[in-house]
PDB file of N, CA and C in Angstrom:
ATOM      1  N   MET A   1       0.841  -1.181   0.000  1.00  0.00           N
ATOM      2  CA  MET A   1       0.000   0.000   0.000  1.00  0.00           C
ATOM      3  C   MET A   1       0.881   1.237   0.000  1.00  0.00           C
ATOM      4  N   LYS A   2       0.547   2.192  -0.834  1.00  0.00           N
ATOM      5  CA  LYS A   2       1.358   3.394  -0.933  1.00  0.00           C
ATOM      6  C   LYS A   2       0.884   4.503  -0.020  1.00  0.00           C
ATOM      7  N   VAL A   3      -0.290   4.339   0.584  1.00  0.00           N
ATOM      8  CA  VAL A   3      -0.849   5.356   1.471  1.00  0.00           C
ATOM      9  C   VAL A   3      -0.527   4.989   2.914  1.00  0.00           C
ATOM     10  N   LYS A   4      -0.049   5.962   3.670  1.00  0.00           N
ATOM     11  CA  LYS A   4       0.308   5.743   5.067  1.00  0.00           C
ATOM     12  C   LYS A   4      -0.528   6.658   5.960  1.00  0.00           C
ATOM     13  N   LYS A   5      -0.531   6.340   7.248  1.00  0.00           N
ATOM     14  CA  LYS A   5      -1.231   7.165   8.219  1.00  0.00           C
ATOM     15  C   LYS A   5      -0.627   8.568   8.235  1.00  0.00           C
ATOM     16  N   ASN A   6      -1.457   9.580   8.408  1.00  0.00           N
ATOM     17  CA  ASN A   6      -1.105  11.004   8.455  1.00  0.00           C
ATOM     18  C   ASN A   6      -0.756  11.603   7.095  1.00  0.00           C
ATOM     19  N   ASP A   7      -0.902  10.851   5.997  1.00  0.00           N
ATOM     20  CA  ASP A   7      -0.741  11.430   4.664  1.00  0.00           C
ATOM     21  C   ASP A   7      -1.955  12.299   4.354  1.00  0.00           C
ATOM     22  N   ILE A   8      -1.741  13.337   3.563  1.00  0.00           N
ATOM     23  CA  ILE A   8      -2.847  14.127   3.038  1.00  0.00           C
ATOM     24  C   ILE A   8      -3.182  13.525   1.676  1.00  0.00           C
ATOM     25  N   VAL A   9      -4.452  13.133   1.502  1.00  0.00           N
ATOM     26  CA  VAL A   9      -4.859  12.475   0.263  1.00  0.00           C
ATOM     27  C   VAL A   9      -6.050  13.211  -0.350  1.00  0.00           C
ATOM     28  N   GLU A  10      -6.271  12.959  -1.638  1.00  0.00           N
ATOM     29  CA  GLU A  10      -7.420  13.497  -2.360  1.00  0.00           C
ATOM     30  C   GLU A  10      -8.207  12.330  -2.927  1.00  0.00           C
ATOM     31  N   VAL A  11      -9.534  12.399  -2.806  1.00  0.00           N
ATOM     32  CA  VAL A  11     -10.394  11.353  -3.329  1.00  0.00           C
ATOM     33  C   VAL A  11     -10.550  11.584  -4.829  1.00  0.00           C
ATOM     34  N   ILE A  12     -10.334  10.528  -5.631  1.00  0.00           N
ATOM     35  CA  ILE A  12     -10.372  10.663  -7.085  1.00  0.00           C
ATOM     36  C   ILE A  12     -11.590   9.984  -7.703  1.00  0.00           C
ATOM     37  N   ALA A  13     -12.389   9.277  -6.910  1.00  0.00           N
ATOM     38  CA  ALA A  13     -13.567   8.603  -7.448  1.00  0.00           C
ATOM     39  C   ALA A  13     -14.639   8.512  -6.376  1.00  0.00           C
ATOM     40  N   GLY A  14     -15.896   8.484  -6.820  1.00  0.00           N
ATOM     41  CA  GLY A  14     -17.008   8.323  -5.892  1.00  0.00           C
ATOM     42  C   GLY A  14     -17.686   9.640  -5.569  1.00  0.00           C
ATOM     43  N   LYS A  15     -18.614   9.589  -4.624  1.00  0.00           N
ATOM     44  CA  LYS A  15     -19.419  10.771  -4.298  1.00  0.00           C
ATOM     45  C   LYS A  15     -18.608  11.867  -3.621  1.00  0.00           C
ATOM     46  N   ASN A  16     -17.464  11.546  -3.057  1.00  0.00           N
ATOM     47  CA  ASN A  16     -16.627  12.536  -2.382  1.00  0.00           C
ATOM     48  C   ASN A  16     -15.450  12.982  -3.236  1.00  0.00           C
ATOM     49  N   ARG A  17     -15.543  12.813  -4.553  1.00  0.00           N
ATOM     50  CA  ARG A  17     -14.455  13.155  -5.463  1.00  0.00           C
ATOM     51  C   ARG A  17     -14.048  14.623  -5.289  1.00  0.00           C
ATOM     52  N   GLY A  18     -12.726  14.845  -5.205  1.00  0.00           N
ATOM     53  CA  GLY A  18     -12.199  16.194  -5.070  1.00  0.00           C
ATOM     54  C   GLY A  18     -11.918  16.618  -3.644  1.00  0.00           C
ATOM     55  N   LYS A  19     -12.468  15.913  -2.664  1.00  0.00           N
ATOM     56  CA  LYS A  19     -12.229  16.281  -1.264  1.00  0.00           C
ATOM     57  C   LYS A  19     -10.839  15.827  -0.834  1.00  0.00           C
ATOM     58  N   GLN A  20     -10.231  16.628   0.031  1.00  0.00           N
ATOM     59  CA  GLN A  20      -8.935  16.280   0.597  1.00  0.00           C
ATOM     60  C   GLN A  20      -9.077  16.080   2.090  1.00  0.00           C
ATOM     61  N   GLY A  21      -8.242  15.215   2.650  1.00  0.00           N
ATOM     62  CA  GLY A  21      -8.258  14.985   4.084  1.00  0.00           C
ATOM     63  C   GLY A  21      -7.047  14.185   4.517  1.00  0.00           C
ATOM     64  N   LYS A  22      -6.884  14.100   5.821  1.00  0.00           N
ATOM     65  CA  LYS A  22      -5.764  13.378   6.407  1.00  0.00           C
ATOM     66  C   LYS A  22      -6.180  11.928   6.664  1.00  0.00           C
ATOM     67  N   VAL A  23      -5.278  11.005   6.395  1.00  0.00           N
ATOM     68  CA  VAL A  23      -5.554   9.587   6.629  1.00  0.00           C
ATOM     69  C   VAL A  23      -5.464   9.324   8.130  1.00  0.00           C
ATOM     70  N   LEU A  24      -6.565   8.858   8.706  1.00  0.00           N
ATOM     71  CA  LEU A  24      -6.611   8.572  10.137  1.00  0.00           C
ATOM     72  C   LEU A  24      -6.188   7.145  10.447  1.00  0.00           C
ATOM     73  N   ARG A  25      -6.530   6.225   9.554  1.00  0.00           N
ATOM     74  CA  ARG A  25      -6.225   4.819   9.805  1.00  0.00           C
ATOM     75  C   ARG A  25      -6.126   4.086   8.477  1.00  0.00           C
ATOM     76  N   VAL A  26      -5.264   3.072   8.416  1.00  0.00           N
ATOM     77  CA  VAL A  26      -5.074   2.266   7.216  1.00  0.00           C
ATOM     78  C   VAL A  26      -5.413   0.823   7.550  1.00  0.00           C
ATOM     79  N   TYR A  27      -6.196   0.190   6.678  1.00  0.00           N
ATOM     80  CA  TYR A  27      -6.561  -1.223   6.828  1.00  0.00           C
ATOM     81  C   TYR A  27      -5.947  -2.008   5.665  1.00  0.00           C
ATOM     82  N   PRO A  28      -4.691  -2.470   5.795  1.00  0.00           N
ATOM     83  CA  PRO A  28      -4.035  -3.132   4.664  1.00  0.00           C
ATOM     84  C   PRO A  28      -4.652  -4.474   4.292  1.00  0.00           C
ATOM     85  N   ASP A  29      -5.267  -5.169   5.242  1.00  0.00           N
ATOM     86  CA  ASP A  29      -5.850  -6.472   4.929  1.00  0.00           C
ATOM     87  C   ASP A  29      -7.065  -6.357   4.014  1.00  0.00           C
ATOM     88  N   THR A  30      -7.822  -5.252   4.098  1.00  0.00           N
ATOM     89  CA  THR A  30      -8.982  -5.043   3.234  1.00  0.00           C
ATOM     90  C   THR A  30      -8.734  -3.962   2.186  1.00  0.00           C
ATOM     91  N   ASN A  31      -7.530  -3.396   2.152  1.00  0.00           N
ATOM     92  CA  ASN A  31      -7.134  -2.363   1.191  1.00  0.00           C
ATOM     93  C   ASN A  31      -8.030  -1.123   1.299  1.00  0.00           C
ATOM     94  N   LYS A  32      -8.314  -0.701   2.532  1.00  0.00           N
ATOM     95  CA  LYS A  32      -9.156   0.471   2.761  1.00  0.00           C
ATOM     96  C   LYS A  32      -8.430   1.476   3.643  1.00  0.00           C
ATOM     97  N   VAL A  33      -8.864   2.734   3.552  1.00  0.00           N
ATOM     98  CA  VAL A  33      -8.311   3.800   4.383  1.00  0.00           C
ATOM     99  C   VAL A  33      -9.448   4.614   4.974  1.00  0.00           C
ATOM    100  N   LEU A  34      -9.214   5.179   6.137  1.00  0.00           N
ATOM    101  CA  LEU A  34     -10.173   6.051   6.806  1.00  0.00           C
ATOM    102  C   LEU A  34      -9.636   7.468   6.691  1.00  0.00           C
ATOM    103  N   VAL A  35     -10.386   8.341   5.992  1.00  0.00           N
ATOM    104  CA  VAL A  35      -9.938   9.700   5.714  1.00  0.00           C
ATOM    105  C   VAL A  35     -10.824  10.675   6.473  1.00  0.00           C
ATOM    106  N   GLU A  36     -10.190  11.655   7.102  1.00  0.00           N
ATOM    107  CA  GLU A  36     -10.897  12.643   7.909  1.00  0.00           C
ATOM    108  C   GLU A  36     -11.819  13.497   7.041  1.00  0.00           C
ATOM    109  N   GLY A  37     -13.116  13.540   7.407  1.00  0.00           N
ATOM    110  CA  GLY A  37     -14.086  14.371   6.710  1.00  0.00           C
ATOM    111  C   GLY A  37     -14.589  13.821   5.392  1.00  0.00           C
ATOM    112  N   VAL A  38     -14.254  12.584   5.062  1.00  0.00           N
ATOM    113  CA  VAL A  38     -14.655  11.985   3.793  1.00  0.00           C
ATOM    114  C   VAL A  38     -15.499  10.741   4.078  1.00  0.00           C
ATOM    115  N   ASN A  39     -16.535  10.534   3.263  1.00  0.00           N
ATOM    116  CA  ASN A  39     -17.425   9.375   3.371  1.00  0.00           C
ATOM    117  C   ASN A  39     -18.085   9.319   4.747  1.00  0.00           C
ATOM    118  N   THR A  40     -18.656  10.446   5.166  1.00  0.00           N
ATOM    119  CA  THR A  40     -19.323  10.489   6.465  1.00  0.00           C
ATOM    120  C   THR A  40     -20.690   9.834   6.370  1.00  0.00           C
ATOM    121  N   GLN A  41     -21.051   9.110   7.420  1.00  0.00           N
ATOM    122  CA  GLN A  41     -22.322   8.421   7.491  1.00  0.00           C
ATOM    123  C   GLN A  41     -22.941   8.667   8.858  1.00  0.00           C
ATOM    124  N   PHE A  42     -24.272   8.600   8.918  1.00  0.00           N
ATOM    125  CA  PHE A  42     -24.965   8.771  10.180  1.00  0.00           C
ATOM    126  C   PHE A  42     -24.993   7.460  10.940  1.00  0.00           C
ATOM    127  N   LYS A  43     -24.745   7.525  12.239  1.00  0.00           N
ATOM    128  CA  LYS A  43     -24.746   6.342  13.095  1.00  0.00           C
ATOM    129  C   LYS A  43     -25.751   6.593  14.216  1.00  0.00           C
ATOM    130  N   HIS A  44     -26.710   5.692  14.365  1.00  0.00           N
ATOM    131  CA  HIS A  44     -27.699   5.790  15.439  1.00  0.00           C
ATOM    132  C   HIS A  44     -27.150   5.064  16.652  1.00  0.00           C
ATOM    133  N   GLU A  45     -27.031   5.771  17.774  1.00  0.00           N
ATOM    134  CA  GLU A  45     -26.430   5.192  18.970  1.00  0.00           C
ATOM    135  C   GLU A  45     -27.419   5.177  20.124  1.00  0.00           C
ATOM    136  N   ARG A  46     -27.427   4.079  20.835  1.00  0.00           N
ATOM    137  CA  ARG A  46     -28.274   3.964  22.022  1.00  0.00           C
ATOM    138  C   ARG A  46     -27.581   4.642  23.202  1.00  0.00           C
ATOM    139  N   PRO A  47     -28.320   5.062  24.190  1.00  0.00           N
ATOM    140  CA  PRO A  47     -27.691   5.604  25.399  1.00  0.00           C
ATOM    141  C   PRO A  47     -26.846   4.534  26.091  1.00  0.00           C
ATOM    142  N   SER A  48     -25.656   4.927  26.538  1.00  0.00           N
ATOM    143  CA  SER A  48     -24.758   4.000  27.219  1.00  0.00           C
ATOM    144  C   SER A  48     -23.957   4.780  28.253  1.00  0.00           C
ATOM    145  N   ALA A  49     -23.063   4.106  28.902  1.00  0.00           N
ATOM    146  CA  ALA A  49     -22.226   4.766  29.903  1.00  0.00           C
ATOM    147  C   ALA A  49     -21.334   5.819  29.237  1.00  0.00           C
ATOM    148  N   ARG A  50     -20.868   5.538  28.036  1.00  0.00           N
ATOM    149  CA  ARG A  50     -19.996   6.471  27.320  1.00  0.00           C
ATOM    150  C   ARG A  50     -20.791   7.643  26.740  1.00  0.00           C
ATOM    151  N   ASN A  51     -21.955   7.344  26.167  1.00  0.00           N
ATOM    152  CA  ASN A  51     -22.796   8.366  25.547  1.00  0.00           C
ATOM    153  C   ASN A  51     -24.136   8.377  26.277  1.00  0.00           C
ATOM    154  N   GLN A  52     -24.300   9.275  27.222  1.00  0.00           N
ATOM    155  CA  GLN A  52     -25.469   9.290  28.100  1.00  0.00           C
ATOM    156  C   GLN A  52     -26.781   9.496  27.345  1.00  0.00           C
ATOM    157  N   ASN A  53     -26.780  10.387  26.349  1.00  0.00           N
ATOM    158  CA  ASN A  53     -28.019  10.738  25.667  1.00  0.00           C
ATOM    159  C   ASN A  53     -28.321   9.863  24.454  1.00  0.00           C
ATOM    160  N   GLY A  54     -27.309   9.247  23.869  1.00  0.00           N
ATOM    161  CA  GLY A  54     -27.530   8.521  22.627  1.00  0.00           C
ATOM    162  C   GLY A  54     -27.731   9.513  21.491  1.00  0.00           C
ATOM    163  N   GLY A  55     -28.453   9.123  20.465  1.00  0.00           N
ATOM    164  CA  GLY A  55     -28.765  10.041  19.370  1.00  0.00           C
ATOM    165  C   GLY A  55     -28.086   9.646  18.075  1.00  0.00           C
ATOM    166  N   ILE A  56     -28.058  10.584  17.155  1.00  0.00           N
ATOM    167  CA  ILE A  56     -27.502  10.349  15.824  1.00  0.00           C
ATOM    168  C   ILE A  56     -26.189  11.119  15.712  1.00  0.00           C
ATOM    169  N   THR A  57     -25.124  10.427  15.346  1.00  0.00           N
ATOM    170  CA  THR A  57     -23.815  11.051  15.178  1.00  0.00           C
ATOM    171  C   THR A  57     -23.307  10.787  13.768  1.00  0.00           C
ATOM    172  N   MET A  58     -22.370  11.621  13.317  1.00  0.00           N
ATOM    173  CA  MET A  58     -21.752  11.416  12.009  1.00  0.00           C
ATOM    174  C   MET A  58     -20.368  10.829  12.209  1.00  0.00           C
ATOM    175  N   ARG A  59     -20.065   9.790  11.435  1.00  0.00           N
ATOM    176  CA  ARG A  59     -18.760   9.139  11.495  1.00  0.00           C
ATOM    177  C   ARG A  59     -18.219   8.933  10.088  1.00  0.00           C
ATOM    178  N   GLU A  60     -16.890   8.874   9.995  1.00  0.00           N
ATOM    179  CA  GLU A  60     -16.265   8.548   8.718  1.00  0.00           C
ATOM    180  C   GLU A  60     -16.263   7.032   8.543  1.00  0.00           C
ATOM    181  N   ALA A  61     -16.475   6.600   7.325  1.00  0.00           N
ATOM    182  CA  ALA A  61     -16.410   5.181   6.994  1.00  0.00           C
ATOM    183  C   ALA A  61     -15.210   4.967   6.080  1.00  0.00           C
ATOM    184  N   PRO A  62     -14.608   3.777   6.117  1.00  0.00           N
ATOM    185  CA  PRO A  62     -13.446   3.517   5.253  1.00  0.00           C
ATOM    186  C   PRO A  62     -13.825   3.519   3.775  1.00  0.00           C
ATOM    187  N   ILE A  63     -12.890   3.954   2.929  1.00  0.00           N
ATOM    188  CA  ILE A  63     -13.062   3.863   1.483  1.00  0.00           C
ATOM    189  C   ILE A  63     -11.882   3.102   0.906  1.00  0.00           C
ATOM    190  N   ASN A  64     -12.051   2.607  -0.300  1.00  0.00           N
ATOM    191  CA  ASN A  64     -11.007   1.809  -0.926  1.00  0.00           C
ATOM    192  C   ASN A  64      -9.773   2.659  -1.206  1.00  0.00           C
ATOM    193  N   ALA A  65      -8.611   2.092  -0.981  1.00  0.00           N
ATOM    194  CA  ALA A  65      -7.358   2.825  -1.152  1.00  0.00           C
ATOM    195  C   ALA A  65      -7.104   3.181  -2.610  1.00  0.00           C
ATOM    196  N   SER A  66      -7.723   2.454  -3.542  1.00  0.00           N
ATOM    197  CA  SER A  66      -7.536   2.763  -4.962  1.00  0.00           C
ATOM    198  C   SER A  66      -8.277   4.033  -5.358  1.00  0.00           C
ATOM    199  N   ASN A  67      -9.157   4.533  -4.508  1.00  0.00           N
ATOM    200  CA  ASN A  67      -9.920   5.738  -4.806  1.00  0.00           C
ATOM    201  C   ASN A  67      -9.289   7.006  -4.247  1.00  0.00           C
ATOM    202  N   VAL A  68      -8.081   6.913  -3.693  1.00  0.00           N
ATOM    203  CA  VAL A  68      -7.393   8.096  -3.174  1.00  0.00           C
ATOM    204  C   VAL A  68      -5.989   8.178  -3.752  1.00  0.00           C
ATOM    205  N   MET A  69      -5.489   9.415  -3.837  1.00  0.00           N
ATOM    206  CA  MET A  69      -4.103   9.653  -4.246  1.00  0.00           C
ATOM    207  C   MET A  69      -3.466  10.608  -3.246  1.00  0.00           C
ATOM    208  N   VAL A  70      -2.190  10.426  -3.012  1.00  0.00           N
ATOM    209  CA  VAL A  70      -1.443  11.272  -2.088  1.00  0.00           C
ATOM    210  C   VAL A  70      -1.276  12.657  -2.708  1.00  0.00           C
ATOM    211  N   VAL A  71      -1.369  13.687  -1.878  1.00  0.00           N
ATOM    212  CA  VAL A  71      -1.199  15.074  -2.329  1.00  0.00           C
ATOM    213  C   VAL A  71       0.256  15.477  -2.133  1.00  0.00           C
ATOM    214  N   ASP A  72       0.826  16.054  -3.189  1.00  0.00           N
ATOM    215  CA  ASP A  72       2.212  16.515  -3.149  1.00  0.00           C
ATOM    216  C   ASP A  72       2.313  17.726  -2.229  1.00  0.00           C
ATOM    217  N   PRO A  73       3.209  17.705  -1.220  1.00  0.00           N
ATOM    218  CA  PRO A  73       3.296  18.824  -0.283  1.00  0.00           C
ATOM    219  C   PRO A  73       3.801  20.122  -0.920  1.00  0.00           C
ATOM    220  N   LYS A  74       4.551  20.023  -2.016  1.00  0.00           N
ATOM    221  CA  LYS A  74       5.124  21.209  -2.634  1.00  0.00           C
ATOM    222  C   LYS A  74       4.114  21.919  -3.543  1.00  0.00           C
ATOM    223  N   THR A  75       3.412  21.166  -4.390  1.00  0.00           N
ATOM    224  CA  THR A  75       2.507  21.765  -5.369  1.00  0.00           C
ATOM    225  C   THR A  75       1.045  21.700  -4.955  1.00  0.00           C
ATOM    226  N   ASN A  76       0.717  20.940  -3.919  1.00  0.00           N
ATOM    227  CA  ASN A  76      -0.643  20.756  -3.429  1.00  0.00           C
ATOM    228  C   ASN A  76      -1.548  20.119  -4.492  1.00  0.00           C
ATOM    229  N   LEU A  77      -0.953  19.324  -5.388  1.00  0.00           N
ATOM    230  CA  LEU A  77      -1.686  18.569  -6.390  1.00  0.00           C
ATOM    231  C   LEU A  77      -1.469  17.081  -6.132  1.00  0.00           C
ATOM    232  N   ARG A  78      -2.406  16.261  -6.592  1.00  0.00           N
ATOM    233  CA  ARG A  78      -2.245  14.824  -6.352  1.00  0.00           C
ATOM    234  C   ARG A  78      -1.104  14.269  -7.184  1.00  0.00           C
ATOM    235  N   THR A  79      -0.464  13.246  -6.649  1.00  0.00           N
ATOM    236  CA  THR A  79       0.730  12.690  -7.269  1.00  0.00           C
ATOM    237  C   THR A  79       0.820  11.201  -7.024  1.00  0.00           C
ATOM    238  N   ARG A  80       1.642  10.564  -7.832  1.00  0.00           N
ATOM    239  CA  ARG A  80       1.954   9.160  -7.594  1.00  0.00           C
ATOM    240  C   ARG A  80       3.117   9.082  -6.606  1.00  0.00           C
ATOM    241  N   VAL A  81       3.280   7.912  -6.000  1.00  0.00           N
ATOM    242  CA  VAL A  81       4.304   7.731  -4.978  1.00  0.00           C
ATOM    243  C   VAL A  81       5.360   6.780  -5.513  1.00  0.00           C
ATOM    244  N   GLY A  82       6.633   7.155  -5.330  1.00  0.00           N
ATOM    245  CA  GLY A  82       7.746   6.306  -5.722  1.00  0.00           C
ATOM    246  C   GLY A  82       8.661   6.059  -4.537  1.00  0.00           C
ATOM    247  N   LYS A  83       9.685   5.236  -4.772  1.00  0.00           N
ATOM    248  CA  LYS A  83      10.663   4.954  -3.724  1.00  0.00           C
ATOM    249  C   LYS A  83      12.050   5.313  -4.225  1.00  0.00           C
ATOM    250  N   ARG A  84      12.859   5.806  -3.311  1.00  0.00           N
ATOM    251  CA  ARG A  84      14.249   6.111  -3.602  1.00  0.00           C
ATOM    252  C   ARG A  84      15.100   5.321  -2.626  1.00  0.00           C
ATOM    253  N   GLU A  85      16.127   4.682  -3.144  1.00  0.00           N
ATOM    254  CA  GLU A  85      16.995   3.846  -2.316  1.00  0.00           C
ATOM    255  C   GLU A  85      18.126   4.696  -1.743  1.00  0.00           C
ATOM    256  N   LEU A  86      18.333   4.587  -0.446  1.00  0.00           N
ATOM    257  CA  LEU A  86      19.427   5.279   0.221  1.00  0.00           C
ATOM    258  C   LEU A  86      20.358   4.242   0.823  1.00  0.00           C
ATOM    259  N   VAL A  87      21.640   4.375   0.537  1.00  0.00           N
ATOM    260  CA  VAL A  87      22.614   3.466   1.114  1.00  0.00           C
ATOM    261  C   VAL A  87      23.336   4.211   2.222  1.00  0.00           C
ATOM    262  N   GLY A  88      23.148   3.731   3.441  1.00  0.00           N
ATOM    263  CA  GLY A  88      23.746   4.387   4.588  1.00  0.00           C
ATOM    264  C   GLY A  88      25.102   3.799   4.923  1.00  0.00           C
ATOM    265  N   THR A  89      25.546   4.104   6.117  1.00  0.00           N
ATOM    266  CA  THR A  89      26.813   3.555   6.576  1.00  0.00           C
ATOM    267  C   THR A  89      26.672   2.056   6.772  1.00  0.00           C
ATOM    268  N   GLU A  90      27.755   1.349   6.687  1.00  0.00           N
ATOM    269  CA  GLU A  90      27.806  -0.103   6.840  1.00  0.00           C
ATOM    270  C   GLU A  90      26.999  -0.821   5.767  1.00  0.00           C
ATOM    271  N   GLY A  91      26.700  -0.132   4.646  1.00  0.00           N
ATOM    272  CA  GLY A  91      26.008  -0.765   3.529  1.00  0.00           C
ATOM    273  C   GLY A  91      24.535  -1.042   3.744  1.00  0.00           C
ATOM    274  N   LYS A  92      23.946  -0.448   4.780  1.00  0.00           N
ATOM    275  CA  LYS A  92      22.525  -0.658   5.016  1.00  0.00           C
ATOM    276  C   LYS A  92      21.717   0.079   3.957  1.00  0.00           C
ATOM    277  N   VAL A  93      20.727  -0.613   3.399  1.00  0.00           N
ATOM    278  CA  VAL A  93      19.865  -0.018   2.387  1.00  0.00           C
ATOM    279  C   VAL A  93      18.554   0.388   3.045  1.00  0.00           C
ATOM    280  N   ARG A  94      18.137   1.618   2.737  1.00  0.00           N
ATOM    281  CA  ARG A  94      16.898   2.154   3.287  1.00  0.00           C
ATOM    282  C   ARG A  94      16.136   2.810   2.145  1.00  0.00           C
ATOM    283  N   PHE A  95      14.817   2.777   2.202  1.00  0.00           N
ATOM    284  CA  PHE A  95      14.002   3.399   1.180  1.00  0.00           C
ATOM    285  C   PHE A  95      13.249   4.581   1.770  1.00  0.00           C
ATOM    286  N   GLU A  96      13.049   5.608   0.947  1.00  0.00           N
ATOM    287  CA  GLU A  96      12.209   6.720   1.354  1.00  0.00           C
ATOM    288  C   GLU A  96      11.167   6.951   0.265  1.00  0.00           C
ATOM    289  N   ARG A  97       9.991   7.382   0.676  1.00  0.00           N
ATOM    290  CA  ARG A  97       8.913   7.633  -0.280  1.00  0.00           C
ATOM    291  C   ARG A  97       9.083   9.016  -0.877  1.00  0.00           C
ATOM    292  N   ILE A  98       8.932   9.111  -2.200  1.00  0.00           N
ATOM    293  CA  ILE A  98       9.073  10.399  -2.877  1.00  0.00           C
ATOM    294  C   ILE A  98       7.843  10.667  -3.736  1.00  0.00           C
ATOM    295  N   SER A  99       7.617  11.938  -4.023  1.00  0.00           N
ATOM    296  CA  SER A  99       6.549  12.354  -4.915  1.00  0.00           C
ATOM    297  C   SER A  99       7.060  12.293  -6.343  1.00  0.00           C
ATOM    298  N   LYS A 100       6.304  11.653  -7.224  1.00  0.00           N
ATOM    299  CA  LYS A 100       6.715  11.564  -8.622  1.00  0.00           C
ATOM    300  C   LYS A 100       6.579  12.911  -9.324  1.00  0.00           C
ATOM    301  N   ARG A 101       5.710  13.778  -8.824  1.00  0.00           N
ATOM    302  CA  ARG A 101       5.477  15.077  -9.465  1.00  0.00           C
ATOM    303  C   ARG A 101       6.649  16.038  -9.229  1.00  0.00           C
ATOM    304  N   SER A 102       7.086  16.166  -7.972  1.00  0.00           N
ATOM    305  CA  SER A 102       8.123  17.147  -7.658  1.00  0.00           C
ATOM    306  C   SER A 102       9.449  16.508  -7.234  1.00  0.00           C
ATOM    307  N   GLY A 103       9.430  15.248  -6.863  1.00  0.00           N
ATOM    308  CA  GLY A 103      10.646  14.590  -6.414  1.00  0.00           C
ATOM    309  C   GLY A 103      10.959  14.807  -4.952  1.00  0.00           C
ATOM    310  N   ASP A 104      10.077  15.527  -4.230  1.00  0.00           N
ATOM    311  CA  ASP A 104      10.280  15.768  -2.807  1.00  0.00           C
ATOM    312  C   ASP A 104       9.973  14.517  -1.983  1.00  0.00           C
ATOM    313  N   VAL A 105      10.573  14.469  -0.812  1.00  0.00           N
ATOM    314  CA  VAL A 105      10.341  13.363   0.101  1.00  0.00           C
ATOM    315  C   VAL A 105       8.998  13.546   0.781  1.00  0.00           C
ATOM    316  N   LEU A 106       8.219  12.467   0.857  1.00  0.00           N
ATOM    317  CA  LEU A 106       6.952  12.486   1.573  1.00  0.00           C
ATOM    318  C   LEU A 106       7.203  12.109   3.015  1.00  0.00           C
ATOM    319  N   ALA A 107       6.560  12.795   3.927  1.00  0.00           N
ATOM    320  CA  ALA A 107       6.769  12.552   5.354  1.00  0.00           C
ATOM    321  C   ALA A 107       6.264  11.189   5.772  1.00  0.00           C
TER     322      ALA A 107
END
């Protein structure tokens, strides 16, 4: 999966197309991501110890990871994600994620 937690992503398909948000959680086993403010649904909750009054709340639901793209931090446009190999001391190989649009490192 090329999308990680805390990435800023843009939805490219579906009813929320064009919206941007931060990735709150990644589900690699089902290939889904939970994005802040995207794919909100109403949840009916009964009164409980945690929620005294109950009622209707809005929650984000996971969407498929293929429907989002990472936003380039430099240009603020969506981009593909690549990897760059770094060879450190003692010959250790490490990879860092880069933006294909600008070549900058993604956090």
